Amino acid sequence: MTQEELLASYAAGKRDFSGADLSGAYLTEAVLVGANLSGANLYRANLSQATLGKVNLEGANLEGAFLIGANIEAAKLSGANLHAADLREANLHAADLSGADLSKVNLIGGNLSGANLSGANLDSTNLSGADLSRADLTGTNLRGTDIEDANLDGAIGVSFD
């Protein structure tokens, strides 16, 4: 599916893009012009190497999605379902992931510096080597989370209870 097809379908009211191949798509806030992808169903979609900077994905279903190397900087993912998504090497700098389900997500080598993870579920998530510097982890469940070699410098609200 091309980004043009996605945008046309979304504008026509379609919200289910399960399994869509959008690898390498360029879907920034500027490209979406007034539209957003909040509430979209991107279950097991391929968004590897996609650019989603500043995109509104609030409440979107990205369960099992492939976002390897994606640029999701400053995107709004509050309340999104990212359960078991593959976000290796993804850039989530300054993203809003508050209340998101990140359980069993692979974030190896991901950049979450300055991200808002308050109230997010990170149960059994792999954060080894991830950059969480200056991230807001207030109220975040880190129990069972692999943080080996993760950078937590300046992170606030870190708790392993």
Protein backbone atom coordinates (compact mmCIF):
# COMPACT_ATOMS: atom_id res chain seq x y z
CA MET A 1 0.00 0.00 0.00
CA THR A 2 1.38 3.43 -0.87
CA GLN A 3 1.14 6.35 1.49
CA GLU A 4 -1.21 8.04 -0.99
CA GLU A 5 -3.54 5.02 -0.87
CA LEU A 6 -3.41 5.05 2.92
CA LEU A 7 -4.26 8.75 3.10
CA ALA A 8 -7.09 8.43 0.57
CA SER A 9 -8.54 5.43 2.43
CA TYR A 10 -8.26 7.20 5.78
CA ALA A 11 -9.94 10.31 4.36
CA ALA A 12 -12.75 8.06 3.07
CA GLY A 13 -13.30 6.80 6.61
CA LYS A 14 -11.34 3.54 6.53
CA ARG A 15 -9.44 2.84 9.76
CA ASP A 16 -8.41 -0.80 9.33
CA PHE A 17 -4.96 -1.20 7.79
CA SER A 18 -4.14 -4.56 9.38
CA GLY A 19 -1.13 -6.20 7.74
CA ALA A 20 -0.55 -3.28 5.35
CA ASP A 21 2.97 -2.88 3.97
CA LEU A 22 3.92 0.74 4.58
CA SER A 23 7.65 0.16 4.93
CA GLY A 24 9.58 3.32 4.17
CA ALA A 25 6.41 5.46 4.04
CA TYR A 26 6.83 9.17 4.76
CA LEU A 27 3.85 10.13 6.92
CA THR A 28 4.78 13.22 8.90
CA GLU A 29 2.41 15.75 10.41
CA ALA A 30 3.01 17.97 7.36
CA VAL A 31 2.08 15.19 4.91
CA LEU A 32 -1.09 14.35 6.81
CA VAL A 33 -2.27 18.01 6.76
CA GLY A 34 -5.19 18.09 9.13
CA ALA A 35 -5.61 14.32 9.12
CA ASN A 36 -4.18 11.95 11.66
CA LEU A 37 -4.05 8.23 12.30
CA SER A 38 -5.60 8.24 15.78
CA GLY A 39 -7.61 5.10 16.36
CA ALA A 40 -6.26 3.44 13.21
CA ASN A 41 -5.88 -0.33 13.18
CA LEU A 42 -2.33 -1.12 12.06
CA TYR A 43 -2.24 -4.62 13.55
CA ARG A 44 0.86 -6.46 12.27
CA ALA A 45 1.44 -3.71 9.69
CA ASN A 46 4.94 -3.26 8.30
CA LEU A 47 6.11 0.28 9.06
CA SER A 48 9.82 -0.51 9.08
CA GLN A 49 11.97 2.50 8.17
CA ALA A 50 8.80 4.64 7.99
CA THR A 51 8.80 8.29 8.99
CA LEU A 52 5.96 9.09 11.39
CA GLY A 53 7.36 12.20 13.07
CA LYS A 54 4.75 14.18 15.03
CA VAL A 55 1.92 11.97 13.75
CA ASN A 56 -1.13 11.52 15.96
CA LEU A 57 -1.47 7.77 16.59
CA GLU A 58 -3.38 8.19 19.84
CA GLY A 59 -5.30 5.03 20.69
CA ALA A 60 -4.08 3.28 17.53
CA ASN A 61 -3.70 -0.49 17.43
CA LEU A 62 -0.10 -1.30 16.49
CA GLU A 63 -0.08 -4.73 18.10
CA GLY A 64 2.59 -6.92 16.52
CA ALA A 65 3.52 -4.15 14.06
CA PHE A 66 7.00 -3.99 12.55
CA LEU A 67 8.52 -0.55 13.20
CA ILE A 68 12.18 -1.51 12.89
CA GLY A 69 14.26 1.64 12.39
CA ALA A 70 11.15 3.81 12.12
CA ASN A 71 11.35 7.52 12.91
CA ILE A 72 8.48 8.20 15.29
CA GLU A 73 10.00 11.28 16.89
CA ALA A 74 7.57 13.44 18.87
CA ALA A 75 4.61 11.34 17.76
CA LYS A 76 1.51 11.07 19.92
CA LEU A 77 1.00 7.42 20.90
CA SER A 78 -0.86 7.91 24.17
CA GLY A 79 -3.13 4.97 24.89
CA ALA A 80 -1.87 3.10 21.83
CA ASN A 81 -1.61 -0.69 21.78
CA LEU A 82 1.95 -1.65 20.83
CA HIS A 83 1.86 -5.10 22.46
CA ALA A 84 4.57 -7.35 20.94
CA ALA A 85 5.57 -4.72 18.35
CA ASP A 86 9.11 -4.74 16.97
CA LEU A 87 10.66 -1.30 17.52
CA ARG A 88 14.33 -2.24 17.28
CA GLU A 89 16.47 0.83 16.54
CA ALA A 90 13.34 3.01 16.34
CA ASN A 91 13.56 6.72 17.13
CA LEU A 92 10.88 7.64 19.66
CA HIS A 93 12.65 10.76 20.94
CA ALA A 94 10.14 13.03 22.71
CA ALA A 95 7.22 10.74 21.79
CA ASP A 96 4.14 10.68 24.02
CA LEU A 97 3.64 7.04 25.02
CA SER A 98 1.66 7.81 28.18
CA GLY A 99 -0.72 4.99 29.03
CA ALA A 100 0.42 2.93 26.03
CA ASP A 101 0.68 -0.85 26.15
CA LEU A 102 4.33 -1.65 25.39
CA SER A 103 4.25 -5.13 26.91
CA LYS A 104 6.53 -7.63 25.19
CA VAL A 105 7.81 -4.92 22.82
CA ASN A 106 11.32 -5.20 21.41
CA LEU A 107 13.00 -1.80 21.81
CA ILE A 108 16.62 -2.97 21.57
CA GLY A 109 18.73 0.02 20.62
CA GLY A 110 15.71 2.30 20.44
CA ASN A 111 15.88 6.01 21.26
CA LEU A 112 13.31 7.00 23.88
CA SER A 113 15.19 10.03 25.16
CA GLY A 114 12.79 12.64 26.45
CA ALA A 115 9.79 10.37 25.79
CA ASN A 116 6.74 10.43 28.05
CA LEU A 117 6.16 6.87 29.27
CA SER A 118 4.10 7.80 32.33
CA GLY A 119 1.59 5.08 33.12
CA ALA A 120 2.77 2.90 30.23
CA ASN A 121 2.82 -0.89 30.56
CA LEU A 122 6.35 -2.16 29.88
CA ASP A 123 5.87 -5.63 31.35
CA SER A 124 8.31 -8.13 29.79
CA THR A 125 9.65 -5.50 27.38
CA ASN A 126 13.19 -5.69 26.01
CA LEU A 127 14.88 -2.31 26.48
CA SER A 128 18.48 -3.55 26.37
CA GLY A 129 20.71 -0.87 24.94
CA ALA A 130 17.81 1.58 24.63
CA ASP A 131 18.32 5.29 25.34
CA LEU A 132 15.83 6.37 28.00
CA SER A 133 17.75 9.46 29.07
CA ARG A 134 15.46 12.21 30.36
CA ALA A 135 12.40 9.98 29.77
CA ASP A 136 9.40 10.39 32.07
CA LEU A 137 8.76 6.96 33.56
CA THR A 138 6.40 8.13 36.32
CA GLY A 139 3.96 5.34 37.19
CA THR A 140 5.47 3.03 34.60
CA ASN A 141 5.57 -0.69 35.31
CA LEU A 142 9.13 -1.88 34.67
CA ARG A 143 8.72 -5.25 36.38
CA GLY A 144 10.16 -8.01 34.20
CA THR A 145 11.66 -5.45 31.81
CA ASP A 146 15.12 -6.13 30.41
CA ILE A 147 17.09 -2.89 30.82
CA GLU A 148 20.59 -4.31 30.42
CA ASP A 149 22.89 -1.55 29.16
CA ALA A 150 19.94 0.85 28.87
CA ASN A 151 20.72 4.54 29.42
CA LEU A 152 18.49 5.86 32.23
CA ASP A 153 20.52 9.05 32.86
CA GLY A 154 18.20 11.81 34.02
CA ALA A 155 15.09 9.64 33.68
CA ILE A 156 12.41 10.55 36.20
CA GLY A 157 10.03 8.31 38.11
CA VAL A 158 12.11 5.13 37.67
CA SER A 159 10.57 2.33 39.72
CA PHE A 160 10.90 -1.43 39.58
CA ASP A 161 8.03 -2.25 41.98
